[in-house]
Amino acid sequence: MELRQLVYFVTVAEELHFGRAAERLHIVQSAVSQQIRRLERELGAELFDRSPRHVRLTGAGERLLPEARTVLAAVDRARAAVAPAEVLRLGTSTGLGAHLDRVLAGFAERKPAVQVELVSLPARERLARVVDGRLDAAFVRGAEPLAGVRVLPLWPDPLVAALPAGHPLAAREGIDLAELAALPLSITARRTNPTLVDLVVGACHDAGFEPLPGPVSGSLRDTLASIGTRPLWTVVYASHARVLHSPRVAFVPFRAPGLALTTGLAVHGATPTPHLDALLAACGDHEN
């Protein structure tokens, strides 16, 4: 039995939803499910009653929950009893998908004694916290330069179209952007992510059309829910689309040249970032 399995179990028990638990843990849902299954096999008992509509604790799960919390609390006390652990404060955002899971796993292999504290903030605030030292590094995509910050390019993040699963284009292996001209575009407000919005709207103009304005929602989850019930489209990072499960929404790649933003690692321009070499090496693992 591993401590992370108990952490995953307690988180799922508190959320009663594997997807929300994965978001809270900043890992992909499949990793949570896999570790819970391993824990169940080791204990010889089902911990959750799973159905398409709900997740509930079984009797065994209800008995394990207080014991698991006791174990995790004891671990926290043991850690507090010794010298403070080294911490890498890493800014992140939604949409990193499997990339983040691989980076964290690779970093843990190289620096097992260093805890990673993930902080999710808007891009501008992530950069500001790198400048003032409240973050050691931060993932960013196409962010406007900020004095005192270096952005080290990591990998390109292609975008795919998200559209209703019942739409004729949903069955295609690839689409041209111009084929979406008749569908309203539902995308975040420009003030929230100007780089992404400018990329998509500019590409539509290059393809010869002005995108029809669709509803602006507060989260990708809400946008996908809307797409599942009405003819709309949006863009999603391909790495994120691979871990999303929405039977009423299809994710279709764009034909070349496609759309993409580069993910980079923002670090302080003058002050060395702790464990930067190990972090960059872990970031490179996704290409292997």
C-alpha atoms as a PDB file:
ATOM      1  CA  MET A   1       0.000   0.000   0.000  1.00  0.00           C
ATOM      2  CA  GLU A   2       1.396   3.368  -1.030  1.00  0.00           C
ATOM      3  CA  LEU A   3       0.707   6.721   0.603  1.00  0.00           C
ATOM      4  CA  ARG A   4      -0.333   8.252  -2.705  1.00  0.00           C
ATOM      5  CA  GLN A   5      -3.003   5.558  -3.030  1.00  0.00           C
ATOM      6  CA  LEU A   6      -4.438   6.659   0.298  1.00  0.00           C
ATOM      7  CA  VAL A   7      -4.276  10.301  -0.804  1.00  0.00           C
ATOM      8  CA  TYR A   8      -6.116   9.449  -4.026  1.00  0.00           C
ATOM      9  CA  PHE A   9      -8.663   7.362  -2.122  1.00  0.00           C
ATOM     10  CA  VAL A  10      -9.424  10.116   0.397  1.00  0.00           C
ATOM     11  CA  THR A  11      -9.723  12.725  -2.371  1.00  0.00           C
ATOM     12  CA  VAL A  12     -12.154  10.603  -4.395  1.00  0.00           C
ATOM     13  CA  ALA A  13     -14.101   9.837  -1.210  1.00  0.00           C
ATOM     14  CA  GLU A  14     -14.429  13.555  -0.516  1.00  0.00           C
ATOM     15  CA  GLU A  15     -15.383  14.501  -4.071  1.00  0.00           C
ATOM     16  CA  LEU A  16     -17.373  11.346  -4.948  1.00  0.00           C
ATOM     17  CA  HIS A  17     -16.297  12.024  -8.524  1.00  0.00           C
ATOM     18  CA  PHE A  18     -13.138  10.709 -10.182  1.00  0.00           C
ATOM     19  CA  GLY A  19     -12.865  13.641 -12.594  1.00  0.00           C
ATOM     20  CA  ARG A  20     -13.090  16.315  -9.892  1.00  0.00           C
ATOM     21  CA  ALA A  21     -10.657  14.365  -7.707  1.00  0.00           C
ATOM     22  CA  ALA A  22      -8.162  14.252 -10.597  1.00  0.00           C
ATOM     23  CA  GLU A  23      -8.483  18.009 -11.108  1.00  0.00           C
ATOM     24  CA  ARG A  24      -7.912  18.622  -7.404  1.00  0.00           C
ATOM     25  CA  LEU A  25      -4.849  16.363  -7.445  1.00  0.00           C
ATOM     26  CA  HIS A  26      -3.583  17.936 -10.706  1.00  0.00           C
ATOM     27  CA  ILE A  27      -3.227  14.544 -12.387  1.00  0.00           C
ATOM     28  CA  VAL A  28      -5.109  12.712 -15.119  1.00  0.00           C
ATOM     29  CA  GLN A  29      -8.234  10.779 -14.215  1.00  0.00           C
ATOM     30  CA  SER A  30      -6.818   7.496 -15.522  1.00  0.00           C
ATOM     31  CA  ALA A  31      -3.964   7.677 -13.003  1.00  0.00           C
ATOM     32  CA  VAL A  32      -6.435   8.091 -10.130  1.00  0.00           C
ATOM     33  CA  SER A  33      -8.562   5.189 -11.328  1.00  0.00           C
ATOM     34  CA  GLN A  34      -5.523   2.953 -11.809  1.00  0.00           C
ATOM     35  CA  GLN A  35      -4.157   3.566  -8.323  1.00  0.00           C
ATOM     36  CA  ILE A  36      -7.576   3.058  -6.709  1.00  0.00           C
ATOM     37  CA  ARG A  37      -7.912  -0.260  -8.540  1.00  0.00           C
ATOM     38  CA  ARG A  38      -4.483  -1.327  -7.303  1.00  0.00           C
ATOM     39  CA  LEU A  39      -5.429  -0.415  -3.744  1.00  0.00           C
ATOM     40  CA  GLU A  40      -8.665  -2.393  -4.036  1.00  0.00           C
ATOM     41  CA  ARG A  41      -6.796  -5.445  -5.350  1.00  0.00           C
ATOM     42  CA  GLU A  42      -4.290  -5.237  -2.504  1.00  0.00           C
ATOM     43  CA  LEU A  43      -7.039  -4.916   0.108  1.00  0.00           C
ATOM     44  CA  GLY A  44      -9.259  -7.483  -1.559  1.00  0.00           C
ATOM     45  CA  ALA A  45     -12.307  -5.219  -1.382  1.00  0.00           C
ATOM     46  CA  GLU A  46     -14.212  -2.792  -3.580  1.00  0.00           C
ATOM     47  CA  LEU A  47     -13.970   0.691  -2.075  1.00  0.00           C
ATOM     48  CA  PHE A  48     -16.368   2.506  -4.383  1.00  0.00           C
ATOM     49  CA  ASP A  49     -19.708   1.682  -5.940  1.00  0.00           C
ATOM     50  CA  ARG A  50     -19.272   3.020  -9.471  1.00  0.00           C
ATOM     51  CA  SER A  51     -22.079   3.638 -11.913  1.00  0.00           C
ATOM     52  CA  PRO A  52     -22.474   5.980 -14.915  1.00  0.00           C
ATOM     53  CA  ARG A  53     -24.454   8.380 -12.703  1.00  0.00           C
ATOM     54  CA  HIS A  54     -22.743   8.300  -9.337  1.00  0.00           C
ATOM     55  CA  VAL A  55     -19.757   7.243  -7.256  1.00  0.00           C
ATOM     56  CA  ARG A  56     -20.416   6.111  -3.685  1.00  0.00           C
ATOM     57  CA  LEU A  57     -18.359   4.570  -0.926  1.00  0.00           C
ATOM     58  CA  THR A  58     -18.994   0.909  -0.245  1.00  0.00           C
ATOM     59  CA  GLY A  59     -19.092  -0.389   3.301  1.00  0.00           C
ATOM     60  CA  ALA A  60     -15.414  -1.243   3.049  1.00  0.00           C
ATOM     61  CA  GLY A  61     -14.694   2.255   1.761  1.00  0.00           C
ATOM     62  CA  GLU A  62     -16.570   3.865   4.639  1.00  0.00           C
ATOM     63  CA  ARG A  63     -14.543   1.813   7.130  1.00  0.00           C
ATOM     64  CA  LEU A  64     -11.258   2.629   5.411  1.00  0.00           C
ATOM     65  CA  LEU A  65     -11.823   6.394   5.140  1.00  0.00           C
ATOM     66  CA  PRO A  66     -11.229   7.384   8.810  1.00  0.00           C
ATOM     67  CA  GLU A  67      -8.240   5.020   9.003  1.00  0.00           C
ATOM     68  CA  ALA A  68      -6.728   6.491   5.844  1.00  0.00           C
ATOM     69  CA  ARG A  69      -7.157  10.002   7.196  1.00  0.00           C
ATOM     70  CA  THR A  70      -5.460   8.949  10.424  1.00  0.00           C
ATOM     71  CA  VAL A  71      -2.501   7.545   8.486  1.00  0.00           C
ATOM     72  CA  LEU A  72      -2.140  10.686   6.350  1.00  0.00           C
ATOM     73  CA  ALA A  73      -2.365  12.924   9.411  1.00  0.00           C
ATOM     74  CA  ALA A  74       0.383  10.863  11.063  1.00  0.00           C
ATOM     75  CA  VAL A  75       2.529  11.269   7.956  1.00  0.00           C
ATOM     76  CA  ASP A  76       2.010  15.038   8.057  1.00  0.00           C
ATOM     77  CA  ARG A  77       3.042  15.105  11.718  1.00  0.00           C
ATOM     78  CA  ALA A  78       6.132  13.031  10.976  1.00  0.00           C
ATOM     79  CA  ARG A  79       7.156  15.416   8.205  1.00  0.00           C
ATOM     80  CA  ALA A  80       6.612  18.409  10.446  1.00  0.00           C
ATOM     81  CA  ALA A  81       8.793  16.847  13.136  1.00  0.00           C
ATOM     82  CA  VAL A  82      11.921  17.009  11.004  1.00  0.00           C
ATOM     83  CA  ALA A  83      13.551  19.727   8.957  1.00  0.00           C
ATOM     84  CA  PRO A  84      11.146  21.468   6.583  1.00  0.00           C
ATOM     85  CA  ALA A  85      11.014  19.716   3.245  1.00  0.00           C
ATOM     86  CA  GLU A  86      12.270  21.480   0.155  1.00  0.00           C
ATOM     87  CA  VAL A  87       9.416  22.808  -1.928  1.00  0.00           C
ATOM     88  CA  LEU A  88       9.258  23.728  -5.602  1.00  0.00           C
ATOM     89  CA  ARG A  89       6.430  26.217  -6.150  1.00  0.00           C
ATOM     90  CA  LEU A  90       5.209  25.662  -9.689  1.00  0.00           C
ATOM     91  CA  GLY A  91       2.557  27.725 -11.433  1.00  0.00           C
ATOM     92  CA  THR A  92       0.214  25.776 -13.675  1.00  0.00           C
ATOM     93  CA  SER A  93      -3.012  26.102 -15.606  1.00  0.00           C
ATOM     94  CA  THR A  94      -5.776  23.995 -17.061  1.00  0.00           C
ATOM     95  CA  GLY A  95      -5.178  22.224 -20.333  1.00  0.00           C
ATOM     96  CA  LEU A  96      -1.755  20.701 -19.655  1.00  0.00           C
ATOM     97  CA  GLY A  97      -3.334  17.258 -19.600  1.00  0.00           C
ATOM     98  CA  ALA A  98      -0.930  14.316 -19.573  1.00  0.00           C
ATOM     99  CA  HIS A  99       2.057  16.671 -19.894  1.00  0.00           C
ATOM    100  CA  LEU A 100       1.767  17.723 -16.258  1.00  0.00           C
ATOM    101  CA  ASP A 101       1.471  14.158 -14.999  1.00  0.00           C
ATOM    102  CA  ARG A 102       4.647  13.155 -16.871  1.00  0.00           C
ATOM    103  CA  VAL A 103       6.551  16.218 -15.656  1.00  0.00           C
ATOM    104  CA  LEU A 104       5.622  15.583 -12.027  1.00  0.00           C
ATOM    105  CA  ALA A 105       6.514  11.895 -12.285  1.00  0.00           C
ATOM    106  CA  GLY A 106       9.856  12.673 -13.931  1.00  0.00           C
ATOM    107  CA  PHE A 107      10.684  15.345 -11.362  1.00  0.00           C
ATOM    108  CA  ALA A 108       9.791  13.015  -8.473  1.00  0.00           C
ATOM    109  CA  GLU A 109      12.200  10.411  -9.852  1.00  0.00           C
ATOM    110  CA  ARG A 110      15.023  12.952  -9.974  1.00  0.00           C
ATOM    111  CA  LYS A 111      14.208  14.847  -6.769  1.00  0.00           C
ATOM    112  CA  PRO A 112      12.217  12.513  -4.493  1.00  0.00           C
ATOM    113  CA  ALA A 113      12.838  14.688  -1.409  1.00  0.00           C
ATOM    114  CA  VAL A 114      11.439  17.837  -3.018  1.00  0.00           C
ATOM    115  CA  GLN A 115       7.719  18.531  -2.696  1.00  0.00           C
ATOM    116  CA  VAL A 116       6.008  20.233  -5.617  1.00  0.00           C
ATOM    117  CA  GLU A 117       3.389  22.818  -4.712  1.00  0.00           C
ATOM    118  CA  LEU A 118       1.099  23.482  -7.680  1.00  0.00           C
ATOM    119  CA  VAL A 119      -0.523  26.904  -7.936  1.00  0.00           C
ATOM    120  CA  SER A 120      -3.169  27.548 -10.602  1.00  0.00           C
ATOM    121  CA  LEU A 121      -3.551  31.218 -11.527  1.00  0.00           C
ATOM    122  CA  PRO A 122      -4.198  33.399 -14.596  1.00  0.00           C
ATOM    123  CA  ALA A 123      -1.100  33.708 -16.779  1.00  0.00           C
ATOM    124  CA  ARG A 124      -0.361  37.340 -15.898  1.00  0.00           C
ATOM    125  CA  GLU A 125      -0.449  36.609 -12.174  1.00  0.00           C
ATOM    126  CA  ARG A 126       1.739  33.532 -12.626  1.00  0.00           C
ATOM    127  CA  LEU A 127       4.382  35.703 -14.268  1.00  0.00           C
ATOM    128  CA  ALA A 128       4.070  38.376 -11.572  1.00  0.00           C
ATOM    129  CA  ARG A 129       4.644  35.762  -8.866  1.00  0.00           C
ATOM    130  CA  VAL A 130       7.738  34.477 -10.665  1.00  0.00           C
ATOM    131  CA  VAL A 131       9.080  38.032 -10.661  1.00  0.00           C
ATOM    132  CA  ASP A 132       8.478  38.611  -6.933  1.00  0.00           C
ATOM    133  CA  GLY A 133       9.669  35.135  -5.914  1.00  0.00           C
ATOM    134  CA  ARG A 134       6.368  33.653  -4.767  1.00  0.00           C
ATOM    135  CA  LEU A 135       6.680  31.067  -7.548  1.00  0.00           C
ATOM    136  CA  ASP A 136       9.904  29.304  -8.537  1.00  0.00           C
ATOM    137  CA  ALA A 137       8.674  28.627 -12.072  1.00  0.00           C
ATOM    138  CA  ALA A 138       5.420  28.598 -14.039  1.00  0.00           C
ATOM    139  CA  PHE A 139       4.046  27.001 -17.177  1.00  0.00           C
ATOM    140  CA  VAL A 140       2.793  29.596 -19.667  1.00  0.00           C
ATOM    141  CA  ARG A 141       1.556  29.611 -23.246  1.00  0.00           C
ATOM    142  CA  GLY A 142       2.251  32.574 -25.488  1.00  0.00           C
ATOM    143  CA  ALA A 143       2.209  34.982 -22.555  1.00  0.00           C
ATOM    144  CA  GLU A 144       3.181  38.603 -23.170  1.00  0.00           C
ATOM    145  CA  PRO A 145       6.756  39.272 -21.991  1.00  0.00           C
ATOM    146  CA  LEU A 146       7.197  40.619 -18.483  1.00  0.00           C
ATOM    147  CA  ALA A 147      10.335  42.380 -17.253  1.00  0.00           C
ATOM    148  CA  GLY A 148      12.434  40.134 -15.056  1.00  0.00           C
ATOM    149  CA  VAL A 149      11.149  36.845 -16.504  1.00  0.00           C
ATOM    150  CA  ARG A 150      12.757  34.379 -18.893  1.00  0.00           C
ATOM    151  CA  VAL A 151      10.471  31.977 -20.760  1.00  0.00           C
ATOM    152  CA  LEU A 152      12.158  28.749 -21.831  1.00  0.00           C
ATOM    153  CA  PRO A 153      10.271  27.019 -24.691  1.00  0.00           C
ATOM    154  CA  LEU A 154       9.250  23.437 -23.934  1.00  0.00           C
ATOM    155  CA  TRP A 155       6.834  21.910 -26.446  1.00  0.00           C
ATOM    156  CA  PRO A 156       4.168  22.928 -28.997  1.00  0.00           C
ATOM    157  CA  ASP A 157       0.578  22.391 -27.873  1.00  0.00           C
ATOM    158  CA  PRO A 158      -1.677  21.786 -30.897  1.00  0.00           C
ATOM    159  CA  LEU A 159      -5.322  22.775 -30.651  1.00  0.00           C
ATOM    160  CA  VAL A 160      -8.244  20.646 -31.809  1.00  0.00           C
ATOM    161  CA  ALA A 161     -11.842  21.583 -32.512  1.00  0.00           C
ATOM    162  CA  ALA A 162     -14.507  20.563 -30.008  1.00  0.00           C
ATOM    163  CA  LEU A 163     -17.959  20.244 -31.574  1.00  0.00           C
ATOM    164  CA  PRO A 164     -21.193  18.293 -31.018  1.00  0.00           C
ATOM    165  CA  ALA A 165     -20.682  14.549 -31.402  1.00  0.00           C
ATOM    166  CA  GLY A 166     -23.724  14.388 -33.682  1.00  0.00           C
ATOM    167  CA  HIS A 167     -22.446  17.027 -36.108  1.00  0.00           C
ATOM    168  CA  PRO A 168     -21.443  15.741 -39.586  1.00  0.00           C
ATOM    169  CA  LEU A 169     -17.897  17.076 -39.102  1.00  0.00           C
ATOM    170  CA  ALA A 170     -17.460  15.071 -35.892  1.00  0.00           C
ATOM    171  CA  ALA A 171     -16.761  11.858 -37.789  1.00  0.00           C
ATOM    172  CA  ARG A 172     -13.934  13.379 -39.828  1.00  0.00           C
ATOM    173  CA  GLU A 173     -10.263  12.596 -39.178  1.00  0.00           C
ATOM    174  CA  GLY A 174      -9.387  16.233 -39.809  1.00  0.00           C
ATOM    175  CA  ILE A 175     -11.137  19.459 -40.747  1.00  0.00           C
ATOM    176  CA  ASP A 176     -10.307  22.827 -42.252  1.00  0.00           C
ATOM    177  CA  LEU A 177     -11.043  25.822 -40.079  1.00  0.00           C
ATOM    178  CA  ALA A 178     -13.291  27.321 -42.790  1.00  0.00           C
ATOM    179  CA  GLU A 179     -15.672  24.363 -42.423  1.00  0.00           C
ATOM    180  CA  LEU A 180     -16.677  25.735 -39.008  1.00  0.00           C
ATOM    181  CA  ALA A 181     -17.768  29.123 -40.364  1.00  0.00           C
ATOM    182  CA  ALA A 182     -21.475  28.338 -39.962  1.00  0.00           C
ATOM    183  CA  LEU A 183     -21.160  27.327 -36.295  1.00  0.00           C
ATOM    184  CA  PRO A 184     -20.977  29.908 -33.481  1.00  0.00           C
ATOM    185  CA  LEU A 185     -17.649  29.997 -31.657  1.00  0.00           C
ATOM    186  CA  SER A 186     -17.809  29.672 -27.861  1.00  0.00           C
ATOM    187  CA  ILE A 187     -14.502  30.798 -26.407  1.00  0.00           C
ATOM    188  CA  THR A 188     -13.227  32.475 -23.262  1.00  0.00           C
ATOM    189  CA  ALA A 189     -13.306  36.261 -22.965  1.00  0.00           C
ATOM    190  CA  ARG A 190     -10.266  37.906 -24.537  1.00  0.00           C
ATOM    191  CA  ARG A 191      -9.265  39.560 -21.258  1.00  0.00           C
ATOM    192  CA  THR A 192      -8.904  36.085 -19.733  1.00  0.00           C
ATOM    193  CA  ASN A 193      -6.641  34.640 -22.437  1.00  0.00           C
ATOM    194  CA  PRO A 194      -5.792  37.211 -25.136  1.00  0.00           C
ATOM    195  CA  THR A 195      -3.117  35.034 -26.765  1.00  0.00           C
ATOM    196  CA  LEU A 196      -5.477  32.135 -27.366  1.00  0.00           C
ATOM    197  CA  VAL A 197      -8.409  34.286 -28.500  1.00  0.00           C
ATOM    198  CA  ASP A 198      -6.238  36.315 -30.886  1.00  0.00           C
ATOM    199  CA  LEU A 199      -4.772  33.123 -32.358  1.00  0.00           C
ATOM    200  CA  VAL A 200      -8.177  31.545 -33.023  1.00  0.00           C
ATOM    201  CA  VAL A 201      -9.941  34.679 -34.284  1.00  0.00           C
ATOM    202  CA  GLY A 202      -6.942  35.613 -36.428  1.00  0.00           C
ATOM    203  CA  ALA A 203      -6.867  32.139 -37.954  1.00  0.00           C
ATOM    204  CA  CYS A 204     -10.574  32.423 -38.763  1.00  0.00           C
ATOM    205  CA  HIS A 205      -9.924  35.717 -40.551  1.00  0.00           C
ATOM    206  CA  ASP A 206      -7.066  34.102 -42.473  1.00  0.00           C
ATOM    207  CA  ALA A 207      -9.475  31.325 -43.461  1.00  0.00           C
ATOM    208  CA  GLY A 208     -11.846  33.926 -44.888  1.00  0.00           C
ATOM    209  CA  PHE A 209     -14.587  34.288 -42.305  1.00  0.00           C
ATOM    210  CA  GLU A 210     -15.604  36.194 -39.210  1.00  0.00           C
ATOM    211  CA  PRO A 211     -16.465  33.695 -36.440  1.00  0.00           C
ATOM    212  CA  LEU A 212     -20.074  33.828 -35.302  1.00  0.00           C
ATOM    213  CA  PRO A 213     -20.152  34.856 -31.625  1.00  0.00           C
ATOM    214  CA  GLY A 214     -21.335  32.131 -29.272  1.00  0.00           C
ATOM    215  CA  PRO A 215     -21.861  32.155 -25.508  1.00  0.00           C
ATOM    216  CA  VAL A 216     -18.904  33.051 -23.293  1.00  0.00           C
ATOM    217  CA  SER A 217     -18.742  30.692 -20.319  1.00  0.00           C
ATOM    218  CA  GLY A 218     -16.606  30.764 -17.216  1.00  0.00           C
ATOM    219  CA  SER A 219     -14.976  27.376 -17.646  1.00  0.00           C
ATOM    220  CA  LEU A 220     -14.134  24.787 -20.278  1.00  0.00           C
ATOM    221  CA  ARG A 221     -16.414  22.308 -18.538  1.00  0.00           C
ATOM    222  CA  ASP A 222     -19.383  24.652 -18.985  1.00  0.00           C
ATOM    223  CA  THR A 223     -18.448  25.286 -22.612  1.00  0.00           C
ATOM    224  CA  LEU A 224     -18.292  21.569 -23.393  1.00  0.00           C
ATOM    225  CA  ALA A 225     -21.624  21.051 -21.651  1.00  0.00           C
ATOM    226  CA  SER A 226     -23.158  23.690 -23.926  1.00  0.00           C
ATOM    227  CA  ILE A 227     -21.585  22.149 -27.026  1.00  0.00           C
ATOM    228  CA  GLY A 228     -23.107  18.819 -26.058  1.00  0.00           C
ATOM    229  CA  THR A 229     -26.607  20.318 -26.303  1.00  0.00           C
ATOM    230  CA  ARG A 230     -26.424  22.847 -29.140  1.00  0.00           C
ATOM    231  CA  PRO A 231     -24.447  23.553 -32.355  1.00  0.00           C
ATOM    232  CA  LEU A 232     -21.312  25.367 -31.170  1.00  0.00           C
ATOM    233  CA  TRP A 233     -17.574  24.874 -31.402  1.00  0.00           C
ATOM    234  CA  THR A 234     -14.499  25.802 -29.426  1.00  0.00           C
ATOM    235  CA  VAL A 235     -10.827  24.852 -29.269  1.00  0.00           C
ATOM    236  CA  VAL A 236      -9.149  22.561 -26.758  1.00  0.00           C
ATOM    237  CA  TYR A 237      -5.493  21.684 -26.365  1.00  0.00           C
ATOM    238  CA  ALA A 238      -4.945  18.228 -27.836  1.00  0.00           C
ATOM    239  CA  SER A 239      -3.062  17.113 -24.725  1.00  0.00           C
ATOM    240  CA  HIS A 240      -6.092  18.039 -22.616  1.00  0.00           C
ATOM    241  CA  ALA A 241      -8.628  16.576 -25.039  1.00  0.00           C
ATOM    242  CA  ARG A 242      -7.000  13.155 -24.644  1.00  0.00           C
ATOM    243  CA  VAL A 243      -7.962  13.036 -20.961  1.00  0.00           C
ATOM    244  CA  LEU A 244     -11.432  14.550 -21.305  1.00  0.00           C
ATOM    245  CA  HIS A 245     -14.420  12.228 -21.408  1.00  0.00           C
ATOM    246  CA  SER A 246     -17.537  13.784 -22.901  1.00  0.00           C
ATOM    247  CA  PRO A 247     -19.683  11.416 -24.990  1.00  0.00           C
ATOM    248  CA  ARG A 248     -21.681  14.306 -26.467  1.00  0.00           C
ATOM    249  CA  VAL A 249     -18.585  16.196 -27.675  1.00  0.00           C
ATOM    250  CA  ALA A 250     -16.124  15.207 -30.412  1.00  0.00           C
ATOM    251  CA  PHE A 251     -12.537  16.450 -30.636  1.00  0.00           C
ATOM    252  CA  VAL A 252     -11.336  16.746 -34.235  1.00  0.00           C
ATOM    253  CA  PRO A 253      -7.822  17.817 -35.330  1.00  0.00           C
ATOM    254  CA  PHE A 254      -7.347  20.694 -37.740  1.00  0.00           C
ATOM    255  CA  ARG A 255      -5.678  19.936 -41.042  1.00  0.00           C
ATOM    256  CA  ALA A 256      -2.204  21.373 -41.611  1.00  0.00           C
ATOM    257  CA  PRO A 257      -0.956  23.889 -40.781  1.00  0.00           C
ATOM    258  CA  GLY A 258      -3.330  23.639 -37.832  1.00  0.00           C
ATOM    259  CA  LEU A 259      -3.341  25.784 -34.707  1.00  0.00           C
ATOM    260  CA  ALA A 260      -0.860  25.570 -31.842  1.00  0.00           C
ATOM    261  CA  LEU A 261       0.665  27.556 -29.000  1.00  0.00           C
ATOM    262  CA  THR A 262       4.049  26.847 -27.465  1.00  0.00           C
ATOM    263  CA  THR A 263       4.151  25.926 -23.785  1.00  0.00           C
ATOM    264  CA  GLY A 264       7.110  27.472 -21.995  1.00  0.00           C
ATOM    265  CA  LEU A 265       8.570  27.527 -18.506  1.00  0.00           C
ATOM    266  CA  ALA A 266       8.775  31.003 -16.982  1.00  0.00           C
ATOM    267  CA  VAL A 267      11.637  31.502 -14.527  1.00  0.00           C
ATOM    268  CA  HIS A 268      13.179  34.524 -12.854  1.00  0.00           C
ATOM    269  CA  GLY A 269      15.532  36.368 -15.145  1.00  0.00           C
ATOM    270  CA  ALA A 270      18.284  36.828 -12.562  1.00  0.00           C
ATOM    271  CA  THR A 271      17.691  34.597  -9.529  1.00  0.00           C
ATOM    272  CA  PRO A 272      18.408  30.907 -10.197  1.00  0.00           C
ATOM    273  CA  THR A 273      15.321  28.726  -9.931  1.00  0.00           C
ATOM    274  CA  PRO A 274      15.743  25.866  -7.429  1.00  0.00           C
ATOM    275  CA  HIS A 275      16.101  22.469  -9.103  1.00  0.00           C
ATOM    276  CA  LEU A 276      15.732  24.016 -12.574  1.00  0.00           C
ATOM    277  CA  ASP A 277      17.900  21.377 -14.282  1.00  0.00           C
ATOM    278  CA  ALA A 278      15.802  18.538 -12.854  1.00  0.00           C
ATOM    279  CA  LEU A 279      12.571  20.314 -13.767  1.00  0.00           C
ATOM    280  CA  LEU A 280      13.684  20.946 -17.354  1.00  0.00           C
ATOM    281  CA  ALA A 281      14.823  17.336 -17.677  1.00  0.00           C
ATOM    282  CA  ALA A 282      11.405  16.181 -16.459  1.00  0.00           C
ATOM    283  CA  CYS A 283       9.755  18.507 -18.974  1.00  0.00           C
ATOM    284  CA  GLY A 284      11.805  16.856 -21.707  1.00  0.00           C
ATOM    285  CA  ASP A 285      10.553  13.409 -20.716  1.00  0.00           C
ATOM    286  CA  HIS A 286       7.286  13.983 -22.623  1.00  0.00           C
ATOM    287  CA  GLU A 287       9.182  13.751 -25.904  1.00  0.00           C
ATOM    288  CA  ASN A 288      10.545  10.288 -25.157  1.00  0.00           C
END
